[in-house]
């Protein structure tokens, strides 16, 4: 039991999840201005080892453990988060215009399950605001851009939203993830149907290929897809020769949770479940995808990584890179170094 789980986490978990998220951001920002703080962080959390390096979709990752989208939506803390030993950081989901997201409360802890439920609804300050911050990048950390649509955008103009964010963000990120699988944004699940998804990815792919240096383009999918729907995704990836897939997003399936039924009823819907209950489910999705895609289309594995064992299972299932989010909140920043040590061993 480390200092994070015994002292820091109980203190953080005694407060509102969304408020404490912003408090922690402000605290880390402030502390990072103290001379030597970043250097100390790097010495504690970073692990530099050639065995950890990965070349994936043409990018050289110092290690395979990344921070999933949703944590640093607005690219506010990526410089400071780079000191915690991540191999890469994914910002977003970003939309063309800033939007407040869904009504609060919209982020809930399920401590009995080591899980979170969120219905944030793509709350962000808009892509232009993120770009202004990305211009002040201080380290060589690899940055992924997770892109989406504004909630109020009508279905017929959805593709335009994604294209707009892609274009504005293009020069400031190293790879792109098209998020069509968030359960908290109206009209989005429709995009997981084969035809609209093929159409959207084809448009972005064409624009990307016309660039002098195209960026890796990935698709983020839900863990709740049927085998038929996964086959559709595989077909799209192969047909359009996308660079890879992120598996998987939050889930709308709440079966088998330890949290009391009345607590879940109070939380209500919509809401995407993340954390430990997704460990097995997302690993199965990775296994299925890898069987069909092999090494030609790398998988970023995400969902329920709370330990070294969880991480290694994802890698053994076929993930070339992995991402943490809820595990980072529950286990603390020491998790990244522990996973990297386990990968070396």
Foldseek 3Di string as FASTA:
>chain_A
DDCCQPPVQVVLVVDQVVVSLVVVLVVLVVQVVPPPSLVVLLVVAADQDPLQWDQALNDIFSHQEEADEPSAALQSCPQSVVSLHHRAYEYHQAWAAADQADDPPAWADDVQQLKIKGLRGRHYHHLVSSVVNLVPRDDPHAYEYEYAYHLPDDPVCRLVGRLNSCVSCVVRHQAYEYELADPNGPPSVVCLPLPNVLVSVLVNLVVQVPDPHRHQYEYEEALPDDLVSLVSVLVSCVVSVHQAYEFYDFAQDPPPDPGDPVVDVVSPDDIGMFAQVCLVSRLVSLLSSCVSCPSSRAYEGEGHPQALVSVVSSVVSGHPHYYYYSSCSNRHSNRSRRNRVSSVD
